[in-house]
Protein backbone atom coordinates (compact mmCIF):
# COMPACT_ATOMS: atom_id res chain seq x y z
CA MET A 1 -1.97 4.65 7.60
CA THR A 2 1.03 3.56 6.05
CA ALA A 3 0.90 2.90 2.14
CA ILE A 4 2.65 0.00 0.79
CA ALA A 5 5.29 1.38 -1.40
CA ASP A 6 8.44 -0.09 -1.00
CA LEU A 7 7.68 -2.66 1.79
CA GLU A 8 7.91 -5.58 -0.12
CA ALA A 9 10.40 -8.60 0.81
CA PRO A 10 12.28 -10.23 -1.90
CA ARG A 11 9.80 -12.70 -4.30
CA ALA A 12 10.40 -16.47 -3.56
CA GLY A 13 11.53 -17.70 -6.71
CA ALA A 14 11.31 -21.46 -7.88
CA GLY A 15 13.74 -22.67 -5.18
CA ASP A 16 11.10 -22.71 -2.45
CA LEU A 17 8.61 -24.63 -5.00
CA ARG A 18 11.20 -27.50 -5.81
CA ASP A 19 10.77 -28.36 -2.13
CA SER A 20 7.03 -28.77 -1.96
CA LEU A 21 5.16 -31.75 -0.76
CA PRO A 22 5.32 -34.32 -3.38
CA PHE A 23 1.66 -36.22 -3.42
CA GLU A 24 -1.12 -36.60 -5.73
CA LEU A 25 -4.38 -34.97 -5.56
CA THR A 26 -6.79 -37.85 -6.93
CA PRO A 27 -10.70 -36.89 -7.66
CA ASP A 28 -12.18 -38.90 -4.64
CA LEU A 29 -10.06 -36.12 -2.41
CA GLU A 30 -11.81 -33.36 -4.08
CA ALA A 31 -14.98 -31.42 -2.58
CA HIS A 32 -17.52 -31.57 -5.20
CA GLU A 33 -20.06 -29.62 -3.67
CA PRO A 34 -20.71 -27.54 -0.46
CA PRO A 35 -21.65 -29.49 2.90
CA GLU A 36 -25.13 -27.68 2.81
CA ALA A 37 -26.03 -30.18 -0.51
CA ARG A 38 -25.95 -32.78 2.00
CA GLY A 39 -28.25 -31.12 4.05
CA THR A 40 -25.63 -30.23 6.73
CA GLY A 41 -24.28 -27.04 7.61
CA ARG A 42 -21.12 -25.08 6.65
CA ASP A 43 -19.59 -25.94 9.51
CA ASP A 44 -19.83 -29.73 8.93
CA VAL A 45 -16.39 -30.50 7.75
CA ARG A 46 -13.27 -32.26 9.22
CA LEU A 47 -10.45 -30.01 11.10
CA LEU A 48 -7.03 -31.54 10.83
CA VAL A 49 -4.82 -29.95 13.84
CA SER A 50 -1.10 -29.81 14.21
CA ARG A 51 1.15 -28.28 17.04
CA SER A 52 4.55 -27.50 16.08
CA ALA A 53 5.55 -27.55 19.95
CA THR A 54 4.79 -31.16 20.11
CA GLY A 55 4.53 -32.63 16.61
CA GLN A 56 1.29 -33.61 17.64
CA VAL A 57 -1.30 -34.17 14.82
CA SER A 58 -5.06 -34.80 15.56
CA GLN A 59 -8.64 -34.74 13.87
CA GLU A 60 -11.36 -32.90 15.14
CA ALA A 61 -14.89 -31.51 13.82
CA PHE A 62 -14.52 -28.10 12.94
CA GLY A 63 -17.25 -27.23 15.63
CA SER A 64 -14.51 -27.95 18.27
CA LEU A 65 -12.62 -25.19 17.32
CA PRO A 66 -13.54 -22.73 20.12
CA GLU A 67 -12.27 -25.47 22.49
CA LEU A 68 -8.87 -25.58 20.75
CA LEU A 69 -8.19 -21.80 20.98
CA LEU A 70 -7.43 -19.85 24.31
CA PRO A 71 -9.11 -17.04 25.95
CA GLY A 72 -6.97 -14.17 24.75
CA ASP A 73 -6.33 -15.36 21.48
CA LEU A 74 -7.17 -13.36 18.45
CA LEU A 75 -8.52 -14.63 15.30
CA VAL A 76 -7.90 -12.29 12.37
CA VAL A 77 -10.25 -12.68 9.17
CA ASN A 78 -10.38 -11.44 5.60
CA ASN A 79 -13.53 -9.72 5.25
CA SER A 80 -13.00 -9.90 1.14
CA ALA A 81 -16.33 -10.56 -0.52
CA THR A 82 -16.59 -12.79 -3.63
CA ILE A 83 -17.34 -11.17 -6.88
CA PRO A 84 -18.50 -13.01 -9.81
CA ALA A 85 -15.66 -12.67 -11.83
CA ALA A 86 -16.28 -15.14 -14.87
CA VAL A 87 -17.60 -13.66 -18.15
CA PRO A 88 -18.15 -14.96 -21.41
CA VAL A 89 -16.51 -13.48 -24.68
CA GLN A 90 -19.11 -12.46 -27.46
CA ALA A 91 -18.60 -13.68 -30.39
CA SER A 92 -15.20 -15.03 -29.61
CA GLY A 93 -14.89 -16.53 -33.36
CA ASN A 94 -15.00 -19.91 -32.31
CA ARG A 95 -18.45 -21.50 -31.28
CA GLU A 96 -16.98 -25.02 -30.57
CA ASN A 97 -14.17 -23.39 -28.32
CA PRO A 98 -15.83 -20.23 -26.46
CA LEU A 99 -13.50 -17.99 -24.45
CA THR A 100 -14.39 -17.08 -20.88
CA ILE A 101 -12.30 -14.30 -18.97
CA HIS A 102 -11.78 -14.58 -15.38
CA PHE A 103 -11.18 -11.39 -13.92
CA SER A 104 -8.26 -12.04 -11.18
CA THR A 105 -6.79 -8.80 -9.55
CA ALA A 106 -7.38 -5.04 -9.55
CA LEU A 107 -3.76 -2.76 -10.07
CA PRO A 108 -3.22 0.46 -8.79
CA ASP A 109 -3.88 2.05 -12.05
CA GLY A 110 -7.09 0.68 -12.66
CA ASP A 111 -6.01 -2.22 -15.11
CA TRP A 112 -6.90 -6.00 -14.01
CA LEU A 113 -5.04 -8.96 -14.29
CA VAL A 114 -7.15 -11.49 -16.24
CA GLU A 115 -7.15 -15.10 -17.29
CA LEU A 116 -8.38 -15.96 -20.74
CA ARG A 117 -10.12 -19.65 -20.68
CA SER A 118 -11.22 -21.57 -23.74
CA GLY A 119 -14.27 -24.17 -23.12
CA SER A 120 -17.43 -23.67 -21.45
CA GLY A 121 -18.86 -23.94 -18.36
CA ALA A 122 -16.54 -25.70 -15.46
CA GLN A 123 -14.84 -27.40 -18.19
CA THR A 124 -12.45 -24.53 -19.18
CA VAL A 125 -8.61 -24.21 -19.29
CA PRO A 126 -6.14 -21.60 -19.82
CA SER A 127 -5.79 -20.12 -23.26
CA GLY A 128 -3.21 -19.12 -25.10
CA SER A 129 -5.39 -17.08 -27.88
CA GLY A 130 -4.53 -13.56 -26.22
CA GLY A 131 -2.74 -11.45 -27.87
CA ALA A 132 -1.30 -7.45 -27.19
CA GLY A 133 -3.72 -4.74 -28.07
CA ARG A 134 -6.81 -7.46 -28.63
CA GLN A 135 -10.15 -6.18 -27.96
CA LEU A 136 -12.87 -8.62 -26.69
CA THR A 137 -16.21 -7.81 -26.51
CA LEU A 138 -18.55 -9.00 -23.38
CA PRO A 139 -21.94 -8.76 -22.30
CA GLY A 140 -23.94 -5.55 -22.01
CA GLY A 141 -21.18 -4.05 -24.67
CA ALA A 142 -18.59 -3.57 -22.52
CA VAL A 143 -14.87 -4.26 -24.45
CA LEU A 144 -12.03 -5.51 -22.78
CA THR A 145 -8.77 -4.28 -24.14
CA LEU A 146 -5.54 -6.58 -23.61
CA THR A 147 -2.67 -4.48 -22.98
CA HIS A 148 0.24 -7.08 -22.37
CA ALA A 149 1.40 -10.26 -21.08
CA TYR A 150 2.05 -10.41 -17.27
CA THR A 151 2.97 -13.75 -17.03
CA ALA A 152 2.58 -16.87 -19.61
CA ARG A 153 -1.09 -17.25 -18.39
CA LEU A 154 -2.23 -13.80 -16.75
CA TRP A 155 -2.84 -10.23 -19.07
CA ARG A 156 -2.95 -6.93 -18.18
CA ALA A 157 -6.00 -5.56 -19.47
CA ARG A 158 -8.57 -2.37 -19.17
CA LEU A 159 -12.46 -2.75 -19.25
CA SER A 160 -14.27 0.06 -20.52
CA THR A 161 -16.28 0.45 -17.71
CA ALA A 162 -15.89 -0.16 -13.84
CA VAL A 163 -15.04 -3.50 -13.47
CA VAL A 164 -16.51 -4.72 -10.00
CA PRO A 165 -20.09 -3.10 -10.71
CA TYR A 166 -20.01 -4.70 -14.23
CA LEU A 167 -19.21 -8.15 -12.80
CA LEU A 168 -21.97 -7.58 -10.12
CA ARG A 169 -24.57 -7.41 -12.85
CA HIS A 170 -23.25 -9.72 -15.81
CA GLY A 171 -20.53 -12.19 -13.90
CA HIS A 172 -20.99 -15.39 -12.54
CA PRO A 173 -18.75 -17.29 -10.08
CA ILE A 174 -15.84 -18.85 -10.98
CA ARG A 175 -16.11 -22.35 -11.09
CA TYR A 176 -13.52 -25.57 -11.84
CA SER A 177 -14.03 -28.83 -13.20
CA TYR A 178 -14.41 -30.55 -9.89
CA VAL A 179 -17.44 -28.98 -9.13
CA PRO A 180 -20.02 -30.62 -11.40
CA ARG A 181 -22.90 -27.87 -11.08
CA ASP A 182 -23.52 -24.23 -10.61
CA TRP A 183 -23.78 -22.79 -7.25
CA PRO A 184 -25.13 -19.10 -6.66
CA ILE A 185 -22.56 -16.50 -5.23
CA ASP A 186 -23.81 -16.78 -1.89
CA ALA A 187 -22.36 -20.33 -1.74
CA TYR A 188 -18.98 -18.55 -2.29
CA GLN A 189 -19.27 -15.79 0.46
CA THR A 190 -17.91 -16.25 4.05
CA VAL A 191 -20.03 -15.06 7.24
CA PHE A 192 -17.21 -12.20 7.59
CA ALA A 193 -17.53 -11.07 3.69
CA ALA A 194 -18.34 -7.22 3.66
CA VAL A 195 -15.92 -5.62 0.83
CA PRO A 196 -16.59 -6.87 -2.68
CA GLY A 197 -13.20 -7.75 -4.55
CA SER A 198 -12.09 -11.27 -4.61
CA ALA A 199 -12.16 -13.27 -7.51
CA GLU A 200 -12.10 -16.46 -5.64
CA MET A 201 -13.48 -17.23 -2.06
CA PRO A 202 -11.24 -16.69 0.67
CA GLY A 203 -12.15 -20.25 1.44
CA ALA A 204 -10.58 -21.00 4.97
CA ALA A 205 -13.35 -19.19 6.56
CA ARG A 206 -15.92 -20.61 4.70
CA PRO A 207 -16.96 -23.14 7.67
CA PHE A 208 -17.77 -20.11 10.16
CA THR A 209 -21.41 -19.66 11.19
CA GLY A 210 -22.85 -17.13 13.48
CA ARG A 211 -23.32 -19.54 16.04
CA LEU A 212 -19.82 -20.43 15.72
CA VAL A 213 -18.51 -16.87 16.03
CA ALA A 214 -20.54 -16.61 18.94
CA GLY A 215 -19.13 -19.44 20.78
CA LEU A 216 -15.64 -18.10 20.09
CA VAL A 217 -16.64 -14.80 21.58
CA SER A 218 -18.12 -16.47 24.65
CA ARG A 219 -14.97 -18.20 24.81
CA GLY A 220 -13.15 -15.02 25.06
CA VAL A 221 -11.61 -15.05 21.59
CA ALA A 222 -11.21 -11.83 19.80
CA ILE A 223 -11.84 -11.45 16.15
CA ALA A 224 -10.76 -8.53 13.86
CA PRO A 225 -10.54 -8.21 9.83
CA VAL A 226 -8.06 -7.48 7.16
CA THR A 227 -9.05 -7.10 3.70
CA LEU A 228 -7.12 -8.83 1.02
CA HIS A 229 -8.78 -9.23 -2.31
CA THR A 230 -7.84 -12.54 -3.76
CA GLY A 231 -7.16 -13.64 -7.50
CA VAL A 232 -7.41 -16.57 -9.37
CA SER A 233 -5.79 -19.79 -7.38
CA SER A 234 -4.71 -21.72 -10.27
CA LEU A 235 -1.22 -20.66 -10.16
CA GLU A 236 1.43 -22.53 -12.45
CA GLY A 237 4.17 -23.76 -10.87
CA THR A 238 6.50 -21.55 -11.80
CA GLU A 239 4.57 -18.56 -11.12
CA ASP A 240 5.28 -16.33 -8.00
CA PRO A 241 2.00 -15.16 -6.27
CA TYR A 242 1.36 -11.91 -7.81
CA PRO A 243 0.65 -8.17 -6.00
CA GLU A 244 -2.95 -8.13 -4.22
CA HIS A 245 -4.83 -5.53 -2.58
CA VAL A 246 -4.54 -5.14 1.09
CA ASP A 247 -5.96 -3.01 3.79
CA VAL A 248 -5.22 -3.79 7.32
CA PRO A 249 -6.94 -1.15 9.33
CA PRO A 250 -5.84 0.81 12.37
CA ALA A 251 -8.04 -0.85 14.92
CA THR A 252 -6.77 -4.17 13.87
CA ALA A 253 -3.28 -3.49 13.78
CA ARG A 254 -3.84 -2.01 17.24
CA LEU A 255 -5.62 -5.39 18.60
CA VAL A 256 -2.46 -7.40 17.02
CA ASN A 257 -0.19 -5.09 18.82
CA LEU A 258 -2.34 -5.56 22.27
CA THR A 259 -2.80 -9.30 21.63
CA ARG A 260 0.88 -10.04 21.59
CA ARG A 261 1.83 -7.76 24.27
CA ALA A 262 -0.74 -9.67 26.48
CA GLY A 263 0.97 -12.98 25.66
CA GLY A 264 -2.00 -13.81 23.56
CA ARG A 265 -1.92 -15.60 19.99
CA VAL A 266 -2.80 -14.25 16.78
CA ILE A 267 -3.86 -16.74 14.51
CA ALA A 268 -4.86 -16.26 10.92
CA VAL A 269 -7.86 -17.44 8.95
CA GLY A 270 -6.34 -18.03 5.86
CA THR A 271 -3.17 -17.78 3.96
CA THR A 272 -4.22 -14.20 2.68
CA VAL A 273 -4.64 -13.06 6.36
CA VAL A 274 -0.95 -14.11 7.14
CA ARG A 275 0.09 -12.41 3.71
CA ALA A 276 -1.81 -9.09 4.96
CA LEU A 277 -0.51 -9.20 8.66
CA GLU A 278 3.30 -9.65 7.50
CA THR A 279 3.14 -7.47 5.21
CA ALA A 280 1.85 -4.66 8.00
CA ALA A 281 4.67 -6.27 10.10
CA LEU A 282 7.30 -4.71 7.42
CA ALA A 283 5.56 -1.66 7.86
CA GLY A 284 5.54 -1.74 11.53
CA HIS A 285 9.35 -2.60 11.46
CA GLN A 286 10.01 0.87 9.76
CA ALA A 287 7.13 2.53 12.76
CA GLY A 288 8.78 0.90 15.65
CA SER A 289 5.95 -1.62 16.54
CA PRO A 290 4.80 -5.08 15.44
CA VAL A 291 2.55 -4.24 12.97
CA ALA A 292 1.21 -1.03 11.35
CA ALA A 293 -2.01 -0.28 9.85
CA VAL A 294 -1.52 -0.55 5.95
CA THR A 295 -3.18 0.07 2.58
CA GLY A 296 -2.12 -0.81 -0.80
CA TRP A 297 -1.14 -3.50 -3.08
CA THR A 298 1.25 -6.27 -1.75
CA SER A 299 3.80 -8.74 -3.57
CA HIS A 300 5.27 -9.80 0.01
CA VAL A 301 5.38 -13.69 -0.36
CA VAL A 302 5.63 -15.74 3.21
CA THR A 303 7.82 -18.52 2.84
CA ARG A 304 10.31 -20.71 4.94
CA ARG A 305 13.06 -18.38 4.25
CA THR A 306 11.00 -15.20 5.18
CA GLY A 307 9.58 -16.75 7.98
CA VAL A 308 6.61 -15.42 10.03
CA SER A 309 7.11 -12.73 12.89
CA VAL A 310 3.51 -11.61 14.11
CA VAL A 311 1.45 -14.63 13.08
CA ASP A 312 1.44 -17.63 15.87
CA GLY A 313 -1.18 -19.93 14.13
CA LEU A 314 -2.93 -20.65 11.05
CA LEU A 315 -6.65 -22.14 9.56
CA THR A 316 -6.25 -22.96 6.14
CA GLY A 317 -7.92 -25.30 3.39
CA LEU A 318 -5.78 -28.13 2.16
CA HIS A 319 -3.74 -26.96 -0.58
CA GLU A 320 -2.93 -28.81 -4.18
CA PRO A 321 0.32 -30.21 -4.90
CA ARG A 322 3.23 -27.71 -5.68
CA SER A 323 1.22 -24.81 -4.58
CA THR A 324 2.77 -21.52 -3.64
CA HIS A 325 0.80 -21.96 -0.62
CA LEU A 326 2.66 -24.58 0.85
CA TRP A 327 5.59 -22.33 1.06
CA MET A 328 3.84 -20.45 3.78
CA LEU A 329 2.54 -23.48 5.41
CA ALA A 330 6.08 -24.88 5.75
CA ALA A 331 7.19 -21.34 7.73
CA PHE A 332 4.68 -22.49 10.20
CA ALA A 333 4.92 -26.44 10.55
CA GLY A 334 8.39 -27.10 9.33
CA ASP A 335 8.82 -29.71 6.46
CA GLU A 336 8.57 -32.98 8.46
CA LEU A 337 5.52 -32.11 10.15
CA LEU A 338 4.07 -30.82 7.19
CA ALA A 339 4.31 -34.01 5.62
CA ARG A 340 2.95 -36.03 8.26
CA CYS A 341 -0.09 -33.67 8.11
CA TYR A 342 -0.68 -34.12 4.55
CA ALA A 343 0.01 -37.94 4.89
CA THR A 344 -2.65 -38.08 7.34
CA ALA A 345 -5.32 -35.84 5.40
CA ILE A 346 -4.59 -38.45 2.37
CA ALA A 347 -4.82 -41.55 4.32
CA SER A 348 -8.26 -40.18 6.51
CA GLY A 349 -10.13 -38.85 2.99
CA TYR A 350 -9.87 -35.47 3.82
CA ARG A 351 -11.58 -33.10 1.21
CA TRP A 352 -9.73 -30.78 -0.65
CA HIS A 353 -10.92 -27.04 -2.54
CA GLU A 354 -13.20 -24.52 -1.22
CA PHE A 355 -15.83 -26.48 -0.25
CA GLY A 356 -13.33 -29.01 1.69
CA ASP A 357 -11.99 -29.73 4.91
CA VAL A 358 -9.59 -27.39 6.89
CA HIS A 359 -6.24 -27.56 8.80
CA LEU A 360 -5.34 -25.76 12.07
CA LEU A 361 -1.61 -25.31 12.79
CA LEU A 362 -0.91 -24.07 15.96
CA PRO A 363 2.23 -23.32 17.77
């Protein structure tokens, strides 16, 4: 398996962001609770379908996904499990404006990228109260030491104990203001979740159920896993995506190569999977195959400039204005079709965020 060392493509930069879709995300377009809260199933969400070859945009129920794919297609899913990554700071010095730590991303040397947020519950905002060398006491007596600023918002930090076991005991799921009540960690897991490590759920796979997976397999659609642990999603407009841990196992690399050789389509479930597979394609280029098994941290950013080389289609959620994820969607659909997709979603009242509706981009 190739270790990811010098495989990364150039960082994207703000030039790609300048052309992001101009739209406003209003509160009525936000999904405030999971479908189960309405007494229905996880798969009771809407599916926007776009086809690059014809420019067609259609609207379906998510349960129709097996009929929209072809026998011989390969769905690649992210098996990263969501961890309860939010922890309150003890005795932060300001009872009226307490601090919460969002653990985002593990780094190769054991440090983590973290975000300091002020406020309580879901009503938190990024906090500017960090400082190099500052030590913060967390529940259970753990101490978090901020080493230096990684971006204007994220800090590189080290916890006095192993992070993931600590969070599984003391943390709670990251929740933002558009979700008005707490939900258990199970609400933030997908049916494929197996390897703990994501600060926020790889949400594109949330609508999948065991029954739907069985329908896909019966249709002749194969399913293979990768692991990419996702960090906090609230990137600012000037921020590039930061490195994330990725693992494309040998069996998945073989299935991707076999599928492409046989004329099938590789469909990524989530932008995280695209990042993982396109990183594996960089390694494959060096190894003389479409993709190679890889493990490590990737900084590869997929944009319309870099393009996609091994992923044919994408199932993803609906992304916020100025989101870096829109760079990637433009690589699949192009600007004009993507603009029509988002105009359709807004006009039709599709719902955004982790409990919302999804978009299938087909070739």
